[in-house]
């Protein structure tokens, strides 16, 4: 029952955030850490403003990256946390694995 309630809460927050997503690029600095994380989780992959002249693409899962890329935690300033892990970034690994 709790799992269903949590799913409903996430669904409602996704629906409510869709209206604001069309107005402008979302700004992490105007959200709490939890709100920014939920926004990324709901949309899967999103570009968000992180500063006066900066922006970043955040993803929630590996499926939003290319096959050869890996997920790396990505931080951004939020209203309540200057180093909030908002989501992940897709990046190429430093070393490629060696397979026989």
PDB file of N, CA and C in Angstrom:
ATOM      1  N   UNK A   1       0.824  -1.188   0.000  1.00  0.00           N
ATOM      2  CA  UNK A   1       0.000   0.000   0.000  1.00  0.00           C
ATOM      3  C   UNK A   1       0.875   1.260   0.000  1.00  0.00           C
ATOM      4  N   UNK A   2       1.953   1.239   0.783  1.00  0.00           N
ATOM      5  CA  UNK A   2       2.848   2.395   0.816  1.00  0.00           C
ATOM      6  C   UNK A   2       3.514   2.617  -0.536  1.00  0.00           C
ATOM      7  N   UNK A   3       3.845   1.512  -1.192  1.00  0.00           N
ATOM      8  CA  UNK A   3       4.493   1.607  -2.505  1.00  0.00           C
ATOM      9  C   UNK A   3       3.549   2.274  -3.505  1.00  0.00           C
ATOM     10  N   UNK A   4       2.280   1.921  -3.443  1.00  0.00           N
ATOM     11  CA  UNK A   4       1.303   2.512  -4.342  1.00  0.00           C
ATOM     12  C   UNK A   4       1.123   4.001  -4.034  1.00  0.00           C
ATOM     13  N   UNK A   5       1.101   4.354  -2.762  1.00  0.00           N
ATOM     14  CA  UNK A   5       0.970   5.758  -2.375  1.00  0.00           C
ATOM     15  C   UNK A   5       2.180   6.560  -2.845  1.00  0.00           C
ATOM     16  N   UNK A   6       3.367   5.984  -2.737  1.00  0.00           N
ATOM     17  CA  UNK A   6       4.575   6.666  -3.196  1.00  0.00           C
ATOM     18  C   UNK A   6       4.535   6.841  -4.710  1.00  0.00           C
ATOM     19  N   UNK A   7       4.057   5.847  -5.431  1.00  0.00           N
ATOM     20  CA  UNK A   7       3.952   5.938  -6.883  1.00  0.00           C
ATOM     21  C   UNK A   7       2.968   7.021  -7.297  1.00  0.00           C
ATOM     22  N   UNK A   8       1.872   7.107  -6.589  1.00  0.00           N
ATOM     23  CA  UNK A   8       0.865   8.135  -6.882  1.00  0.00           C
ATOM     24  C   UNK A   8       1.443   9.516  -6.618  1.00  0.00           C
ATOM     25  N   UNK A   9       2.183   9.658  -5.528  1.00  0.00           N
ATOM     26  CA  UNK A   9       2.791  10.942  -5.191  1.00  0.00           C
ATOM     27  C   UNK A   9       3.786  11.370  -6.267  1.00  0.00           C
ATOM     28  N   UNK A  10       4.596  10.444  -6.751  1.00  0.00           N
ATOM     29  CA  UNK A  10       5.556  10.761  -7.820  1.00  0.00           C
ATOM     30  C   UNK A  10       4.809  11.138  -9.094  1.00  0.00           C
ATOM     31  N   UNK A  11       3.766  10.418  -9.422  1.00  0.00           N
ATOM     32  CA  UNK A  11       2.977  10.714 -10.620  1.00  0.00           C
ATOM     33  C   UNK A  11       2.359  12.112 -10.536  1.00  0.00           C
ATOM     34  N   UNK A  12       1.802  12.460  -9.397  1.00  0.00           N
ATOM     35  CA  UNK A  12       1.201  13.779  -9.223  1.00  0.00           C
ATOM     36  C   UNK A  12       2.257  14.870  -9.340  1.00  0.00           C
ATOM     37  N   UNK A  13       3.431  14.659  -8.744  1.00  0.00           N
ATOM     38  CA  UNK A  13       4.479  15.675  -8.840  1.00  0.00           C
ATOM     39  C   UNK A  13       4.979  15.817 -10.273  1.00  0.00           C
ATOM     40  N   UNK A  14       5.003  14.716 -11.029  1.00  0.00           N
ATOM     41  CA  UNK A  14       5.387  14.786 -12.448  1.00  0.00           C
ATOM     42  C   UNK A  14       4.375  15.599 -13.238  1.00  0.00           C
ATOM     43  N   UNK A  15       3.107  15.364 -12.988  1.00  0.00           N
ATOM     44  CA  UNK A  15       2.055  16.084 -13.712  1.00  0.00           C
ATOM     45  C   UNK A  15       2.113  17.571 -13.385  1.00  0.00           C
ATOM     46  N   UNK A  16       2.303  17.898 -12.119  1.00  0.00           N
ATOM     47  CA  UNK A  16       2.366  19.307 -11.730  1.00  0.00           C
ATOM     48  C   UNK A  16       3.602  20.002 -12.272  1.00  0.00           C
ATOM     49  N   UNK A  17       4.701  19.286 -12.418  1.00  0.00           N
ATOM     50  CA  UNK A  17       5.933  19.907 -12.895  1.00  0.00           C
ATOM     51  C   UNK A  17       5.941  20.101 -14.409  1.00  0.00           C
ATOM     52  N   UNK A  18       5.076  19.403 -15.130  1.00  0.00           N
ATOM     53  CA  UNK A  18       5.046  19.526 -16.588  1.00  0.00           C
ATOM     54  C   UNK A  18       4.668  20.937 -17.007  1.00  0.00           C
ATOM     55  N   UNK A  19       3.721  21.548 -16.331  1.00  0.00           N
ATOM     56  CA  UNK A  19       3.308  22.903 -16.682  1.00  0.00           C
ATOM     57  C   UNK A  19       4.437  23.900 -16.552  1.00  0.00           C
ATOM     58  N   UNK A  20       5.243  23.787 -15.515  1.00  0.00           N
ATOM     59  CA  UNK A  20       6.346  24.721 -15.334  1.00  0.00           C
ATOM     60  C   UNK A  20       7.503  24.414 -16.265  1.00  0.00           C
ATOM     61  N   UNK A  21       7.607  23.189 -16.751  1.00  0.00           N
ATOM     62  CA  UNK A  21       8.702  22.824 -17.643  1.00  0.00           C
ATOM     63  C   UNK A  21       8.576  23.520 -18.988  1.00  0.00           C
ATOM     64  N   UNK A  22       7.351  23.794 -19.419  1.00  0.00           N
ATOM     65  CA  UNK A  22       7.169  24.439 -20.718  1.00  0.00           C
ATOM     66  C   UNK A  22       7.402  25.939 -20.649  1.00  0.00           C
ATOM     67  N   UNK A  23       7.320  26.545 -19.480  1.00  0.00           N
ATOM     68  CA  UNK A  23       7.486  27.989 -19.342  1.00  0.00           C
ATOM     69  C   UNK A  23       8.925  28.401 -19.631  1.00  0.00           C
ATOM     70  N   UNK A  24       9.883  27.716 -19.091  1.00  0.00           N
ATOM     71  CA  UNK A  24      11.295  28.033 -19.282  1.00  0.00           C
ATOM     72  C   UNK A  24      12.112  26.838 -18.813  1.00  0.00           C
ATOM     73  N   UNK A  25      13.416  26.911 -19.078  1.00  0.00           N
ATOM     74  CA  UNK A  25      14.284  25.827 -18.603  1.00  0.00           C
ATOM     75  C   UNK A  25      14.276  25.866 -17.078  1.00  0.00           C
ATOM     76  N   UNK A  26      14.040  24.724 -16.417  1.00  0.00           N
ATOM     77  CA  UNK A  26      14.000  24.706 -14.955  1.00  0.00           C
ATOM     78  C   UNK A  26      15.350  25.090 -14.350  1.00  0.00           C
ATOM     79  N   UNK A  27      15.310  25.777 -13.241  1.00  0.00           N
ATOM     80  CA  UNK A  27      16.503  26.270 -12.558  1.00  0.00           C
ATOM     81  C   UNK A  27      16.669  25.509 -11.245  1.00  0.00           C
ATOM     82  N   UNK A  28      17.792  24.814 -11.086  1.00  0.00           N
ATOM     83  CA  UNK A  28      18.024  24.040  -9.862  1.00  0.00           C
ATOM     84  C   UNK A  28      18.083  24.944  -8.638  1.00  0.00           C
ATOM     85  N   UNK A  29      18.511  26.179  -8.821  1.00  0.00           N
ATOM     86  CA  UNK A  29      18.673  27.096  -7.688  1.00  0.00           C
ATOM     87  C   UNK A  29      17.347  27.527  -7.086  1.00  0.00           C
ATOM     88  N   UNK A  30      16.257  27.363  -7.818  1.00  0.00           N
ATOM     89  CA  UNK A  30      14.941  27.740  -7.299  1.00  0.00           C
ATOM     90  C   UNK A  30      14.193  26.555  -6.694  1.00  0.00           C
ATOM     91  N   UNK A  31      14.798  25.362  -6.725  1.00  0.00           N
ATOM     92  CA  UNK A  31      14.173  24.150  -6.191  1.00  0.00           C
ATOM     93  C   UNK A  31      14.925  23.662  -4.965  1.00  0.00           C
ATOM     94  N   UNK A  32      14.240  22.860  -4.158  1.00  0.00           N
ATOM     95  CA  UNK A  32      14.949  22.158  -3.099  1.00  0.00           C
ATOM     96  C   UNK A  32      15.665  20.976  -3.738  1.00  0.00           C
ATOM     97  N   UNK A  33      16.551  20.357  -3.003  1.00  0.00           N
ATOM     98  CA  UNK A  33      17.289  19.210  -3.511  1.00  0.00           C
ATOM     99  C   UNK A  33      16.318  18.091  -3.905  1.00  0.00           C
ATOM    100  N   UNK A  34      15.354  17.810  -3.067  1.00  0.00           N
ATOM    101  CA  UNK A  34      14.382  16.744  -3.341  1.00  0.00           C
ATOM    102  C   UNK A  34      13.535  17.066  -4.576  1.00  0.00           C
ATOM    103  N   UNK A  35      13.145  18.319  -4.753  1.00  0.00           N
ATOM    104  CA  UNK A  35      12.356  18.702  -5.920  1.00  0.00           C
ATOM    105  C   UNK A  35      13.155  18.522  -7.210  1.00  0.00           C
ATOM    106  N   UNK A  36      14.422  18.921  -7.193  1.00  0.00           N
ATOM    107  CA  UNK A  36      15.270  18.766  -8.381  1.00  0.00           C
ATOM    108  C   UNK A  36      15.473  17.291  -8.712  1.00  0.00           C
ATOM    109  N   UNK A  37      15.695  16.469  -7.696  1.00  0.00           N
ATOM    110  CA  UNK A  37      15.866  15.031  -7.919  1.00  0.00           C
ATOM    111  C   UNK A  37      14.594  14.415  -8.485  1.00  0.00           C
ATOM    112  N   UNK A  38      13.441  14.794  -7.943  1.00  0.00           N
ATOM    113  CA  UNK A  38      12.159  14.278  -8.441  1.00  0.00           C
ATOM    114  C   UNK A  38      11.909  14.716  -9.882  1.00  0.00           C
ATOM    115  N   UNK A  39      12.282  15.961 -10.207  1.00  0.00           N
ATOM    116  CA  UNK A  39      12.095  16.467 -11.561  1.00  0.00           C
ATOM    117  C   UNK A  39      12.882  15.627 -12.560  1.00  0.00           C
ATOM    118  N   UNK A  40      14.132  15.328 -12.236  1.00  0.00           N
ATOM    119  CA  UNK A  40      14.964  14.496 -13.114  1.00  0.00           C
ATOM    120  C   UNK A  40      14.393  13.089 -13.193  1.00  0.00           C
ATOM    121  N   UNK A  41      13.977  12.541 -12.065  1.00  0.00           N
ATOM    122  CA  UNK A  41      13.413  11.190 -12.041  1.00  0.00           C
ATOM    123  C   UNK A  41      12.140  11.105 -12.884  1.00  0.00           C
ATOM    124  N   UNK A  42      11.311  12.127 -12.831  1.00  0.00           N
ATOM    125  CA  UNK A  42      10.052  12.121 -13.586  1.00  0.00           C
ATOM    126  C   UNK A  42      10.275  12.248 -15.087  1.00  0.00           C
ATOM    127  N   UNK A  43      11.221  13.080 -15.490  1.00  0.00           N
ATOM    128  CA  UNK A  43      11.421  13.369 -16.905  1.00  0.00           C
ATOM    129  C   UNK A  43      12.486  12.494 -17.564  1.00  0.00           C
ATOM    130  N   UNK A  44      13.294  11.821 -16.783  1.00  0.00           N
ATOM    131  CA  UNK A  44      14.294  10.915 -17.331  1.00  0.00           C
ATOM    132  C   UNK A  44      15.569  11.610 -17.748  1.00  0.00           C
ATOM    133  N   UNK A  45      15.476  12.566 -18.645  1.00  0.00           N
ATOM    134  CA  UNK A  45      16.628  13.351 -19.096  1.00  0.00           C
ATOM    135  C   UNK A  45      16.155  14.783 -19.271  1.00  0.00           C
ATOM    136  N   UNK A  46      16.869  15.719 -18.670  1.00  0.00           N
ATOM    137  CA  UNK A  46      16.434  17.114 -18.705  1.00  0.00           C
ATOM    138  C   UNK A  46      17.646  18.037 -18.642  1.00  0.00           C
ATOM    139  N   UNK A  47      17.549  19.169 -19.320  1.00  0.00           N
ATOM    140  CA  UNK A  47      18.569  20.212 -19.228  1.00  0.00           C
ATOM    141  C   UNK A  47      18.049  21.255 -18.251  1.00  0.00           C
ATOM    142  N   UNK A  48      18.868  21.549 -17.231  1.00  0.00           N
ATOM    143  CA  UNK A  48      18.463  22.497 -16.199  1.00  0.00           C
ATOM    144  C   UNK A  48      19.508  23.595 -16.042  1.00  0.00           C
ATOM    145  N   UNK A  49      19.042  24.783 -15.738  1.00  0.00           N
ATOM    146  CA  UNK A  49      19.937  25.893 -15.434  1.00  0.00           C
ATOM    147  C   UNK A  49      20.557  25.647 -14.071  1.00  0.00           C
ATOM    148  N   UNK A  50      21.873  25.837 -13.975  1.00  0.00           N
ATOM    149  CA  UNK A  50      22.579  25.611 -12.711  1.00  0.00           C
ATOM    150  C   UNK A  50      23.258  26.869 -12.173  1.00  0.00           C
ATOM    151  N   UNK A  51      23.258  27.929 -12.941  1.00  0.00           N
ATOM    152  CA  UNK A  51      23.890  29.175 -12.531  1.00  0.00           C
ATOM    153  C   UNK A  51      23.479  30.294 -13.465  1.00  0.00           C
ATOM    154  N   UNK A  52      24.006  31.504 -13.252  1.00  0.00           N
ATOM    155  CA  UNK A  52      23.605  32.636 -14.082  1.00  0.00           C
ATOM    156  C   UNK A  52      23.903  32.425 -15.576  1.00  0.00           C
ATOM    157  N   UNK A  53      24.968  31.719 -15.894  1.00  0.00           N
ATOM    158  CA  UNK A  53      25.355  31.514 -17.285  1.00  0.00           C
ATOM    159  C   UNK A  53      25.685  30.050 -17.578  1.00  0.00           C
ATOM    160  N   UNK A  54      25.192  29.122 -16.748  1.00  0.00           N
ATOM    161  CA  UNK A  54      25.524  27.711 -16.917  1.00  0.00           C
ATOM    162  C   UNK A  54      24.271  26.840 -16.926  1.00  0.00           C
ATOM    163  N   UNK A  55      24.388  25.696 -17.578  1.00  0.00           N
ATOM    164  CA  UNK A  55      23.316  24.714 -17.591  1.00  0.00           C
ATOM    165  C   UNK A  55      23.956  23.340 -17.671  1.00  0.00           C
ATOM    166  N   UNK A  56      23.180  22.307 -17.365  1.00  0.00           N
ATOM    167  CA  UNK A  56      23.695  20.941 -17.341  1.00  0.00           C
ATOM    168  C   UNK A  56      22.577  19.987 -17.723  1.00  0.00           C
ATOM    169  N   UNK A  57      22.932  18.916 -18.406  1.00  0.00           N
ATOM    170  CA  UNK A  57      21.983  17.847 -18.712  1.00  0.00           C
ATOM    171  C   UNK A  57      22.088  16.794 -17.619  1.00  0.00           C
ATOM    172  N   UNK A  58      20.963  16.449 -17.048  1.00  0.00           N
ATOM    173  CA  UNK A  58      20.880  15.431 -16.007  1.00  0.00           C
ATOM    174  C   UNK A  58      20.037  14.274 -16.523  1.00  0.00           C
ATOM    175  N   UNK A  59      20.431  13.063 -16.191  1.00  0.00           N
ATOM    176  CA  UNK A  59      19.653  11.877 -16.548  1.00  0.00           C
ATOM    177  C   UNK A  59      19.389  11.065 -15.287  1.00  0.00           C
ATOM    178  N   UNK A  60      18.364  10.222 -15.368  1.00  0.00           N
ATOM    179  CA  UNK A  60      18.012   9.409 -14.207  1.00  0.00           C
ATOM    180  C   UNK A  60      18.465   7.964 -14.340  1.00  0.00           C
ATOM    181  N   UNK A  61      18.692   7.500 -15.594  1.00  0.00           N
ATOM    182  CA  UNK A  61      19.036   6.095 -15.822  1.00  0.00           C
ATOM    183  C   UNK A  61      20.005   5.958 -16.990  1.00  0.00           C
ATOM    184  N   UNK A  62      20.624   4.812 -17.065  1.00  0.00           N
ATOM    185  CA  UNK A  62      21.583   4.495 -18.114  1.00  0.00           C
ATOM    186  C   UNK A  62      20.964   4.547 -19.505  1.00  0.00           C
ATOM    187  N   UNK A  63      19.687   4.269 -19.622  1.00  0.00           N
ATOM    188  CA  UNK A  63      19.057   4.210 -20.944  1.00  0.00           C
ATOM    189  C   UNK A  63      19.027   5.553 -21.662  1.00  0.00           C
ATOM    190  N   UNK A  64      19.312   6.640 -20.964  1.00  0.00           N
ATOM    191  CA  UNK A  64      19.354   7.962 -21.586  1.00  0.00           C
ATOM    192  C   UNK A  64      20.763   8.319 -22.083  1.00  0.00           C
ATOM    193  N   UNK A  65      21.680   7.375 -21.976  1.00  0.00           N
ATOM    194  CA  UNK A  65      23.058   7.581 -22.422  1.00  0.00           C
ATOM    195  C   UNK A  65      23.332   6.703 -23.638  1.00  0.00           C
ATOM    196  N   UNK A  66      24.419   7.001 -24.337  1.00  0.00           N
ATOM    197  CA  UNK A  66      24.865   6.123 -25.412  1.00  0.00           C
ATOM    198  C   UNK A  66      25.397   4.831 -24.806  1.00  0.00           C
ATOM    199  N   UNK A  67      25.479   3.797 -25.625  1.00  0.00           N
ATOM    200  CA  UNK A  67      25.900   2.466 -25.145  1.00  0.00           C
ATOM    201  C   UNK A  67      27.250   2.476 -24.443  1.00  0.00           C
ATOM    202  N   UNK A  68      28.200   3.230 -24.971  1.00  0.00           N
ATOM    203  CA  UNK A  68      29.569   3.209 -24.440  1.00  0.00           C
ATOM    204  C   UNK A  68      29.771   4.157 -23.258  1.00  0.00           C
ATOM    205  N   UNK A  69      28.766   4.942 -22.937  1.00  0.00           N
ATOM    206  CA  UNK A  69      28.892   5.893 -21.841  1.00  0.00           C
ATOM    207  C   UNK A  69      28.489   5.260 -20.521  1.00  0.00           C
ATOM    208  N   UNK A  70      28.967   5.872 -19.454  1.00  0.00           N
ATOM    209  CA  UNK A  70      28.622   5.434 -18.101  1.00  0.00           C
ATOM    210  C   UNK A  70      27.969   6.581 -17.350  1.00  0.00           C
ATOM    211  N   UNK A  71      27.294   6.235 -16.265  1.00  0.00           N
ATOM    212  CA  UNK A  71      26.670   7.237 -15.413  1.00  0.00           C
ATOM    213  C   UNK A  71      27.659   7.720 -14.361  1.00  0.00           C
ATOM    214  N   UNK A  72      27.690   9.019 -14.155  1.00  0.00           N
ATOM    215  CA  UNK A  72      28.492   9.626 -13.101  1.00  0.00           C
ATOM    216  C   UNK A  72      27.599  10.604 -12.344  1.00  0.00           C
ATOM    217  N   UNK A  73      27.597  10.563 -11.009  1.00  0.00           N
ATOM    218  CA  UNK A  73      26.764  11.486 -10.247  1.00  0.00           C
ATOM    219  C   UNK A  73      27.096  12.941 -10.596  1.00  0.00           C
ATOM    220  N   UNK A  74      26.057  13.761 -10.727  1.00  0.00           N
ATOM    221  CA  UNK A  74      26.245  15.169 -11.076  1.00  0.00           C
ATOM    222  C   UNK A  74      25.587  16.045 -10.015  1.00  0.00           C
ATOM    223  N   UNK A  75      26.359  16.978  -9.509  1.00  0.00           N
ATOM    224  CA  UNK A  75      25.895  17.879  -8.462  1.00  0.00           C
ATOM    225  C   UNK A  75      25.507  19.227  -9.050  1.00  0.00           C
ATOM    226  N   UNK A  76      24.604  19.904  -8.357  1.00  0.00           N
ATOM    227  CA  UNK A  76      24.193  21.250  -8.752  1.00  0.00           C
ATOM    228  C   UNK A  76      23.722  21.990  -7.511  1.00  0.00           C
ATOM    229  N   UNK A  77      23.809  23.300  -7.509  1.00  0.00           N
ATOM    230  CA  UNK A  77      23.301  24.063  -6.363  1.00  0.00           C
ATOM    231  C   UNK A  77      21.772  24.091  -6.370  1.00  0.00           C
ATOM    232  N   UNK A  78      21.194  23.867  -5.213  1.00  0.00           N
ATOM    233  CA  UNK A  78      19.746  23.982  -5.046  1.00  0.00           C
ATOM    234  C   UNK A  78      19.474  24.968  -3.925  1.00  0.00           C
ATOM    235  N   UNK A  79      18.212  25.234  -3.683  1.00  0.00           N
ATOM    236  CA  UNK A  79      17.832  26.221  -2.669  1.00  0.00           C
ATOM    237  C   UNK A  79      18.321  25.842  -1.280  1.00  0.00           C
ATOM    238  N   UNK A  80      18.361  24.540  -0.986  1.00  0.00           N
ATOM    239  CA  UNK A  80      18.729  24.104   0.361  1.00  0.00           C
ATOM    240  C   UNK A  80      20.056  23.353   0.449  1.00  0.00           C
ATOM    241  N   UNK A  81      20.734  23.156  -0.685  1.00  0.00           N
ATOM    242  CA  UNK A  81      21.983  22.386  -0.678  1.00  0.00           C
ATOM    243  C   UNK A  81      22.863  22.865  -1.834  1.00  0.00           C
ATOM    244  N   UNK A  82      24.045  23.342  -1.519  1.00  0.00           N
ATOM    245  CA  UNK A  82      24.922  23.870  -2.576  1.00  0.00           C
ATOM    246  C   UNK A  82      25.590  22.768  -3.395  1.00  0.00           C
ATOM    247  N   UNK A  83      25.540  21.537  -2.926  1.00  0.00           N
ATOM    248  CA  UNK A  83      26.160  20.404  -3.628  1.00  0.00           C
ATOM    249  C   UNK A  83      25.203  19.212  -3.702  1.00  0.00           C
ATOM    250  N   UNK A  84      24.006  19.442  -4.161  1.00  0.00           N
ATOM    251  CA  UNK A  84      22.989  18.389  -4.250  1.00  0.00           C
ATOM    252  C   UNK A  84      23.272  17.474  -5.440  1.00  0.00           C
ATOM    253  N   UNK A  85      23.219  16.181  -5.226  1.00  0.00           N
ATOM    254  CA  UNK A  85      23.331  15.221  -6.333  1.00  0.00           C
ATOM    255  C   UNK A  85      21.948  15.147  -6.989  1.00  0.00           C
ATOM    256  N   UNK A  86      21.792  15.916  -8.058  1.00  0.00           N
ATOM    257  CA  UNK A  86      20.498  16.055  -8.726  1.00  0.00           C
ATOM    258  C   UNK A  86      20.181  14.834  -9.571  1.00  0.00           C
ATOM    259  N   UNK A  87      21.181  14.289 -10.234  1.00  0.00           N
ATOM    260  CA  UNK A  87      21.002  13.136 -11.101  1.00  0.00           C
ATOM    261  C   UNK A  87      22.367  12.654 -11.560  1.00  0.00           C
ATOM    262  N   UNK A  88      22.412  12.173 -12.776  1.00  0.00           N
ATOM    263  CA  UNK A  88      23.665  11.655 -13.333  1.00  0.00           C
ATOM    264  C   UNK A  88      23.980  12.362 -14.640  1.00  0.00           C
ATOM    265  N   UNK A  89      25.232  12.292 -15.041  1.00  0.00           N
ATOM    266  CA  UNK A  89      25.640  12.756 -16.363  1.00  0.00           C
ATOM    267  C   UNK A  89      26.160  11.546 -17.132  1.00  0.00           C
ATOM    268  N   UNK A  90      25.999  11.588 -18.428  1.00  0.00           N
ATOM    269  CA  UNK A  90      26.516  10.547 -19.309  1.00  0.00           C
ATOM    270  C   UNK A  90      27.910  10.972 -19.743  1.00  0.00           C
ATOM    271  N   UNK A  91      28.876  10.111 -19.541  1.00  0.00           N
ATOM    272  CA  UNK A  91      30.241  10.444 -19.914  1.00  0.00           C
ATOM    273  C   UNK A  91      30.983   9.170 -20.287  1.00  0.00           C
ATOM    274  N   UNK A  92      32.003   9.341 -21.100  1.00  0.00           N
ATOM    275  CA  UNK A  92      32.811   8.191 -21.475  1.00  0.00           C
ATOM    276  C   UNK A  92      33.733   7.826 -20.317  1.00  0.00           C
ATOM    277  N   UNK A  93      33.925   6.533 -20.068  1.00  0.00           N
ATOM    278  CA  UNK A  93      34.797   6.126 -18.970  1.00  0.00           C
ATOM    279  C   UNK A  93      36.247   6.509 -19.266  1.00  0.00           C
ATOM    280  N   UNK A  94      37.002   6.743 -18.212  1.00  0.00           N
ATOM    281  CA  UNK A  94      38.406   7.109 -18.358  1.00  0.00           C
ATOM    282  C   UNK A  94      39.192   5.973 -18.991  1.00  0.00           C
ATOM    283  N   UNK A  95      38.909   4.762 -18.537  1.00  0.00           N
ATOM    284  CA  UNK A  95      39.577   3.569 -19.077  1.00  0.00           C
ATOM    285  C   UNK A  95      38.519   2.623 -19.606  1.00  0.00           C
ATOM    286  N   UNK A  96      38.736   2.083 -20.788  1.00  0.00           N
ATOM    287  CA  UNK A  96      37.788   1.110 -21.330  1.00  0.00           C
ATOM    288  C   UNK A  96      38.171  -0.263 -20.808  1.00  0.00           C
ATOM    289  N   UNK A  97      37.210  -1.084 -20.463  1.00  0.00           N
ATOM    290  CA  UNK A  97      37.520  -2.431 -19.961  1.00  0.00           C
ATOM    291  C   UNK A  97      38.156  -3.285 -21.043  1.00  0.00           C
ATOM    292  N   UNK A  98      39.031  -4.142 -20.662  1.00  0.00           N
ATOM    293  CA  UNK A  98      39.715  -5.047 -21.592  1.00  0.00           C
ATOM    294  C   UNK A  98      39.030  -6.394 -21.540  1.00  0.00           C
ATOM    295  N   UNK A  99      38.567  -6.851 -22.694  1.00  0.00           N
ATOM    296  CA  UNK A  99      37.909  -8.150 -22.775  1.00  0.00           C
ATOM    297  C   UNK A  99      38.745  -9.073 -23.650  1.00  0.00           C
ATOM    298  N   UNK A 100      38.847 -10.318 -23.250  1.00  0.00           N
ATOM    299  CA  UNK A 100      39.593 -11.320 -24.048  1.00  0.00           C
ATOM    300  C   UNK A 100      38.785 -11.778 -25.229  1.00  0.00           C
TER     301      UNK A 100
END
